[in-house]
Protein backbone atom coordinates (compact mmCIF):
# COMPACT_ATOMS: atom_id res chain seq x y z
CA MET A 1 -3.13 -26.48 -12.50
CA LYS A 2 -0.24 -29.41 -12.19
CA SER A 3 2.61 -29.16 -14.62
CA ASP A 4 5.99 -31.48 -14.63
CA ASN A 5 8.46 -28.74 -15.04
CA ALA A 6 6.91 -26.83 -11.71
CA PHE A 7 9.76 -25.12 -10.04
CA VAL A 8 7.50 -24.23 -7.11
CA SER A 9 4.74 -27.38 -6.65
CA ILE A 10 2.13 -26.92 -3.87
CA GLN A 11 -0.28 -30.56 -3.44
CA ASN A 12 -2.95 -31.04 -1.65
CA VAL A 13 -1.86 -28.76 1.01
CA THR A 14 -4.27 -27.72 3.99
CA LYS A 15 -3.56 -25.93 7.35
CA LYS A 16 -6.07 -25.91 10.03
CA TYR A 17 -6.09 -23.87 13.48
CA ASN A 18 -8.48 -25.72 15.89
CA ASP A 19 -11.95 -26.64 13.56
CA LEU A 20 -10.72 -23.03 11.34
CA TYR A 21 -9.18 -24.08 7.59
CA ALA A 22 -6.50 -21.50 7.00
CA LEU A 23 -6.39 -23.39 3.73
CA HIS A 24 -8.27 -26.22 2.10
CA ASN A 25 -6.84 -28.92 -0.17
CA VAL A 26 -5.05 -26.06 -2.32
CA SER A 27 -2.95 -27.30 -4.98
CA LEU A 28 -0.90 -25.21 -7.61
CA ASP A 29 2.05 -25.55 -9.83
CA ILE A 30 4.16 -22.21 -10.63
CA LYS A 31 7.10 -22.47 -13.51
CA GLU A 32 10.46 -21.29 -13.40
CA GLY A 33 10.74 -17.55 -14.32
CA GLU A 34 6.66 -17.36 -14.04
CA VAL A 35 5.30 -14.41 -11.98
CA PHE A 36 2.19 -15.67 -9.93
CA GLY A 37 -0.24 -12.94 -8.31
CA TYR A 38 -2.04 -14.25 -5.31
CA ILE A 39 -5.55 -12.15 -4.71
CA GLY A 40 -7.55 -12.56 -2.36
CA PRO A 41 -9.61 -10.82 0.64
CA ASN A 42 -8.21 -10.21 4.08
CA GLY A 43 -7.76 -13.63 5.79
CA ALA A 44 -8.15 -16.01 2.87
CA GLY A 45 -4.84 -17.64 3.60
CA LYS A 46 -2.18 -15.93 1.24
CA THR A 47 0.00 -15.17 3.78
CA THR A 48 -0.38 -18.63 5.65
CA THR A 49 0.57 -20.08 2.16
CA MET A 50 3.98 -17.81 2.17
CA LYS A 51 4.91 -19.36 5.34
CA ILE A 52 4.60 -22.87 4.30
CA LEU A 53 6.41 -21.98 1.18
CA VAL A 54 9.33 -20.24 3.45
CA GLY A 55 9.67 -22.84 6.26
CA LEU A 56 7.55 -20.55 9.02
CA ILE A 57 4.78 -23.13 9.24
CA SER A 58 5.72 -26.83 9.25
CA ASP A 59 2.34 -28.38 10.56
CA PHE A 60 0.58 -28.45 7.40
CA GLN A 61 -1.20 -31.25 5.18
CA GLY A 62 0.10 -32.03 1.91
CA LYS A 63 3.13 -31.79 -0.36
CA VAL A 64 5.16 -28.48 -0.90
CA ARG A 65 8.21 -29.05 -3.45
CA ILE A 66 10.44 -26.16 -4.34
CA GLY A 67 13.05 -26.48 -7.16
CA ASP A 68 14.67 -30.50 -6.28
CA TYR A 69 13.76 -29.97 -2.09
CA LYS A 70 10.62 -30.99 -0.13
CA MET A 71 9.46 -28.18 2.68
CA PRO A 72 10.06 -28.66 5.12
CA ALA A 73 11.96 -31.74 5.57
CA GLN A 74 14.63 -29.73 3.57
CA LYS A 75 14.32 -26.46 4.80
CA ASP A 76 17.72 -25.39 4.89
CA GLU A 77 18.66 -26.37 1.36
CA ILE A 78 15.56 -24.00 0.24
CA HIS A 79 16.28 -21.17 2.23
CA LYS A 80 19.75 -20.59 -0.16
CA LEU A 81 17.01 -20.46 -2.89
CA LEU A 82 14.49 -17.95 -2.01
CA GLY A 83 14.36 -14.41 -1.13
CA TYR A 84 11.51 -13.37 1.22
CA LEU A 85 9.38 -10.26 2.31
CA PRO A 86 6.99 -10.28 4.96
CA GLN A 87 4.57 -7.86 5.11
CA ASN A 88 6.66 -6.45 8.01
CA VAL A 89 10.38 -6.82 7.87
CA ALA A 90 12.08 -7.17 11.57
CA PHE A 91 14.95 -4.45 11.08
CA GLN A 92 17.01 -3.25 14.03
CA GLU A 93 15.82 0.52 13.81
CA TRP A 94 18.81 2.30 14.86
CA ARG A 95 21.12 0.43 12.03
CA THR A 96 21.82 2.11 8.56
CA ILE A 97 20.53 0.78 5.37
CA LYS A 98 23.64 -0.31 3.99
CA ASP A 99 24.45 -2.26 7.66
CA SER A 100 21.26 -3.75 7.86
CA LEU A 101 21.64 -5.12 4.58
CA LYS A 102 25.26 -6.61 5.62
CA ILE A 103 23.59 -8.27 8.47
CA PHE A 104 20.60 -9.75 6.48
CA GLY A 105 23.73 -10.81 3.57
CA LYS A 106 25.34 -12.81 6.60
CA LEU A 107 22.37 -14.24 7.57
CA SER A 108 21.80 -15.44 3.98
CA GLY A 109 25.08 -17.27 3.86
CA LEU A 110 27.09 -14.88 1.93
CA ASP A 111 30.48 -14.44 2.77
CA ASP A 112 32.26 -10.49 3.14
CA GLN A 113 33.14 -10.30 -0.58
CA GLU A 114 29.95 -11.42 -2.39
CA ILE A 115 28.00 -8.97 0.61
CA GLU A 116 30.49 -6.01 -0.63
CA LYS A 117 30.00 -7.18 -4.31
CA ARG A 118 25.57 -7.24 -3.81
CA ILE A 119 25.03 -4.41 -1.38
CA PRO A 120 25.82 -1.84 -4.37
CA ASP A 121 23.81 -3.59 -6.88
CA VAL A 122 20.75 -3.73 -5.01
CA LEU A 123 20.93 -0.36 -3.76
CA ASP A 124 21.19 1.36 -7.36
CA LEU A 125 18.50 -1.37 -8.37
CA LEU A 126 16.22 -0.11 -6.07
CA ASP A 127 17.18 3.85 -6.12
CA LEU A 128 18.77 3.78 -2.74
CA THR A 129 22.19 4.35 -3.18
CA GLU A 130 22.23 8.22 -1.75
CA VAL A 131 20.21 7.18 1.28
CA CYS A 132 22.21 3.80 1.89
CA ASN A 133 23.85 5.58 5.11
CA LYS A 134 20.39 6.85 6.82
CA LYS A 135 18.90 5.38 9.46
CA ILE A 136 15.83 2.98 9.55
CA SER A 137 14.24 4.83 12.09
CA LYS A 138 14.22 7.52 9.90
CA LEU A 139 12.90 6.31 6.83
CA SER A 140 9.09 6.51 5.31
CA GLY A 141 6.89 3.79 5.54
CA GLY A 142 7.46 3.18 1.87
CA MET A 143 11.42 3.39 1.64
CA THR A 144 11.30 0.58 4.63
CA GLN A 145 9.57 -1.35 2.10
CA LYS A 146 12.01 -0.82 -0.37
CA VAL A 147 14.75 -1.77 2.10
CA GLY A 148 12.89 -5.44 2.61
CA LEU A 149 12.80 -5.54 -0.82
CA ALA A 150 16.41 -4.73 -1.34
CA GLN A 151 17.12 -7.72 1.69
CA ALA A 152 15.27 -10.26 -0.48
CA LEU A 153 16.81 -9.72 -3.26
CA LEU A 154 20.52 -9.45 -2.00
CA HIS A 155 21.97 -13.14 -2.44
CA ASP A 156 20.28 -12.76 -6.07
CA PRO A 157 17.44 -15.72 -5.15
CA LYS A 158 15.79 -18.23 -7.52
CA LEU A 159 12.26 -17.80 -5.81
CA LEU A 160 10.88 -14.55 -4.45
CA ILE A 161 8.09 -14.42 -2.11
CA LEU A 162 6.93 -11.25 -1.61
CA ASP A 163 3.69 -10.38 0.90
CA GLU A 164 2.20 -7.21 -0.34
CA PRO A 165 5.51 -5.49 -1.55
CA LEU A 166 3.60 -2.83 -3.12
CA ASN A 167 2.35 -1.42 0.04
CA GLY A 168 3.40 1.88 0.70
CA LEU A 169 5.18 2.77 -2.15
CA ASP A 170 4.15 5.77 -4.59
CA PRO A 171 2.95 5.36 -8.01
CA LEU A 172 6.58 6.06 -9.43
CA SER A 173 8.26 3.40 -6.94
CA ARG A 174 5.37 0.81 -7.57
CA GLN A 175 6.05 1.05 -11.11
CA LYS A 176 9.68 0.96 -10.55
CA PHE A 177 8.94 -2.35 -8.81
CA LYS A 178 6.89 -3.55 -11.56
CA GLU A 179 9.56 -2.90 -13.90
CA ILE A 180 12.25 -4.75 -11.26
CA VAL A 181 9.94 -7.78 -11.68
CA LYS A 182 9.48 -8.03 -15.27
CA LYS A 183 13.23 -7.97 -15.76
CA LEU A 184 14.00 -10.77 -12.61
CA SER A 185 11.80 -12.56 -14.68
CA LYS A 186 13.20 -12.38 -17.77
CA LYS A 187 16.73 -14.18 -16.14
CA GLY A 188 14.40 -17.17 -14.89
CA THR A 189 13.52 -15.77 -11.24
CA THR A 190 10.55 -17.28 -9.94
CA ILE A 191 7.92 -14.73 -8.27
CA LEU A 192 5.52 -15.13 -5.88
CA PHE A 193 3.57 -12.29 -4.69
CA SER A 194 0.18 -10.99 -3.21
CA SER A 195 -1.05 -7.77 -3.57
CA HIS A 196 -4.56 -5.76 -2.77
CA ILE A 197 -3.74 -3.39 -5.65
CA LEU A 198 -5.31 -5.15 -8.39
CA SER A 199 -4.30 -3.20 -11.43
CA ASP A 200 -0.45 -3.86 -10.53
CA VAL A 201 -0.90 -7.53 -10.58
CA GLN A 202 -2.65 -7.54 -14.11
CA ASP A 203 0.58 -5.93 -15.00
CA VAL A 204 3.28 -8.11 -14.02
CA ALA A 205 1.61 -11.49 -13.05
CA ASP A 206 2.03 -14.34 -15.69
CA VAL A 207 -0.39 -16.63 -13.61
CA ILE A 208 -3.10 -15.50 -11.00
CA GLY A 209 -4.58 -17.14 -8.41
CA ILE A 210 -7.81 -16.32 -6.72
CA LEU A 211 -7.97 -17.43 -3.08
CA ASN A 212 -11.60 -17.18 -0.87
CA HIS A 213 -11.58 -18.88 2.11
CA GLY A 214 -8.74 -20.96 1.90
CA LYS A 215 -9.75 -22.43 -0.90
CA LEU A 216 -8.22 -21.83 -4.67
CA VAL A 217 -11.26 -20.88 -6.46
CA GLN A 218 -9.48 -19.93 -10.00
CA PHE A 219 -6.12 -20.21 -10.70
CA GLY A 220 -4.55 -19.13 -14.70
CA SER A 221 -3.46 -16.67 -16.79
CA LEU A 222 -5.73 -13.73 -17.21
CA ASN A 223 -7.11 -14.78 -20.52
CA GLN A 224 -7.73 -18.24 -19.17
CA LEU A 225 -9.51 -16.51 -15.96
CA LYS A 226 -11.38 -14.35 -18.52
CA GLN A 227 -12.61 -17.16 -20.40
CA GLY A 228 -14.16 -18.75 -17.26
CA LEU A 229 -16.37 -15.73 -16.21
CA SER A 230 -20.32 -15.47 -16.48
CA ILE A 231 -19.71 -11.54 -17.21
CA PRO A 232 -21.76 -10.64 -20.36
CA LYS A 233 -19.77 -9.71 -23.57
CA THR A 234 -20.27 -6.00 -23.99
CA ILE A 235 -19.51 -3.93 -27.61
CA GLU A 236 -18.71 -0.05 -27.37
CA VAL A 237 -19.48 2.68 -30.06
CA LEU A 238 -17.85 6.13 -29.77
CA LEU A 239 -19.99 8.38 -31.81
CA SER A 240 -18.15 11.38 -33.29
CA THR A 241 -21.19 13.05 -33.85
CA PRO A 242 -24.00 13.02 -32.30
CA SER A 243 -27.03 10.93 -33.77
CA ASP A 244 -30.25 9.55 -33.43
CA LYS A 245 -30.18 6.27 -35.07
CA TRP A 246 -28.25 4.48 -32.53
CA GLN A 247 -31.37 2.62 -31.27
CA GLU A 248 -31.45 0.90 -34.24
CA LEU A 249 -28.48 -1.11 -33.88
CA GLY A 250 -30.08 -2.68 -30.90
CA LYS A 251 -32.41 -4.77 -33.68
CA ILE A 252 -28.70 -6.35 -34.62
CA LYS A 253 -29.20 -10.36 -34.10
CA GLY A 254 -27.37 -11.25 -31.14
CA THR A 255 -28.02 -8.06 -28.92
CA HIS A 256 -29.69 -8.23 -25.63
CA THR A 257 -29.88 -4.54 -24.62
CA ILE A 258 -28.52 -1.41 -25.93
CA GLU A 259 -27.65 1.90 -24.11
CA GLN A 260 -26.62 5.14 -24.44
CA THR A 261 -24.04 6.07 -21.46
CA ALA A 262 -22.54 8.65 -22.51
CA PRO A 263 -23.41 11.80 -25.99
CA ASP A 264 -21.04 9.87 -27.69
CA LYS A 265 -20.53 6.59 -26.31
CA ILE A 266 -23.00 3.51 -27.16
CA ILE A 267 -23.01 0.13 -25.49
CA LEU A 268 -24.63 -3.29 -26.70
CA THR A 269 -24.70 -6.15 -24.43
CA LEU A 270 -24.60 -9.45 -26.36
CA GLN A 271 -26.59 -12.63 -25.92
CA SER A 272 -24.38 -15.41 -24.16
CA GLU A 273 -24.55 -17.47 -27.05
CA THR A 274 -23.89 -14.39 -29.29
CA ASP A 275 -19.94 -14.66 -31.36
CA PRO A 276 -18.40 -11.44 -30.37
CA ASP A 277 -16.50 -11.24 -33.52
CA GLU A 278 -19.79 -11.69 -35.38
CA ALA A 279 -21.46 -8.95 -33.67
CA ILE A 280 -18.68 -6.55 -33.92
CA ASN A 281 -18.92 -7.21 -38.05
CA SER A 282 -22.59 -6.78 -37.83
CA VAL A 283 -22.31 -3.62 -36.12
CA GLY A 284 -19.89 -2.30 -38.39
CA LYS A 285 -21.94 -2.67 -41.54
CA ALA A 286 -25.23 -0.99 -39.84
CA ILE A 287 -22.81 1.82 -38.76
CA VAL A 288 -22.24 2.14 -42.39
CA ASP A 289 -25.48 1.37 -43.46
CA LEU A 290 -27.50 3.99 -41.18
CA GLY A 291 -24.57 6.37 -41.90
CA ILE A 292 -23.49 7.17 -38.09
CA ASN A 293 -20.24 8.65 -37.88
CA ILE A 294 -18.11 6.94 -34.97
CA ARG A 295 -14.38 7.35 -33.85
CA GLY A 296 -14.18 3.58 -32.87
CA ILE A 297 -15.83 0.27 -31.79
CA SER A 298 -14.17 -2.07 -29.84
CA LEU A 299 -15.38 -5.41 -27.71
CA LEU A 300 -14.56 -4.39 -23.88
CA SER A 301 -13.05 -6.54 -21.89
CA PRO A 302 -13.38 -7.35 -18.11
CA SER A 303 -11.02 -5.74 -16.15
CA ILE A 304 -8.89 -7.42 -12.95
CA ASP A 305 -11.47 -5.96 -10.63
CA GLU A 306 -14.60 -7.26 -12.16
CA ILE A 307 -12.96 -10.95 -12.87
CA TYR A 308 -11.72 -10.79 -9.09
CA LEU A 309 -15.39 -9.72 -7.63
CA ASN A 310 -17.04 -12.40 -10.38
CA TYR A 311 -14.99 -15.06 -8.98
CA ILE A 312 -15.41 -14.22 -4.82
CA GLN A 313 -18.85 -13.43 -5.51
CA ARG A 314 -19.37 -17.02 -7.22
CA GLY A 315 -17.45 -18.84 -4.37
CA GLN A 316 -19.54 -16.90 -1.74
CA ALA A 317 -22.81 -18.21 -3.20
CA GLN A 318 -22.06 -21.80 -3.39
């Protein structure tokens, strides 16, 4: 979890509320330009982590560094580097979107000239230009969320910390958000975000951290998370024409179980020690020998939901 070129470094961080651990000895590093997806059940400690990173919680044990600065000792310097979107942004609802962004721009330390330059860029990026003179009180929940993201982006931060940024967004807006995240990452912005929409985390995150009961139960790329799983490997065979011969595939070496889950779909579960590439090879040869007509054969990859549940359940069983 530790790397020498980390832009965000959290080392052995613990935070307690009376006798309850909100975070327990959490360590993770995020490189510059990486997108880090933070997932876990409600109350796992994700928001606590983010509040520590942005300086809203300062009484914790452990070490936190962002760029060349330490939190909380150098909080003012760190605030110049980061943009923060909490779960609920405190907007003055009588203000318009544009006026609200001007206020946030000043709070971020931008001068009037920089504010006038940045606001049109951010409004355009988030498709808010046409509604910029609308009052906050008249906005939908999803639109308010987009304004929250706009204020976080206004001063072009090097680090974005986003707590459930996809809440309230429709599918089109979620897709737009993911495109923005990828674009910002390519230009070097480091992004840490939490979400309960696991498929969206899978789409954009370079690294994923799974937090449960204040403990980091797994950290790494999606492939690294898959490698650490105990989920059985499975092969899917899609038939182009019905065949009674499919059960013969169960005799292939390394097969644990075989079942027909649909008229045109056969699933082979492999024994734990079986090499999946060799198994696919063997299945392919057997299909030819048996004269079965198929549309395709593939190794099924576990979904992000399966990965998440596997690690959470494993942690609860320990």
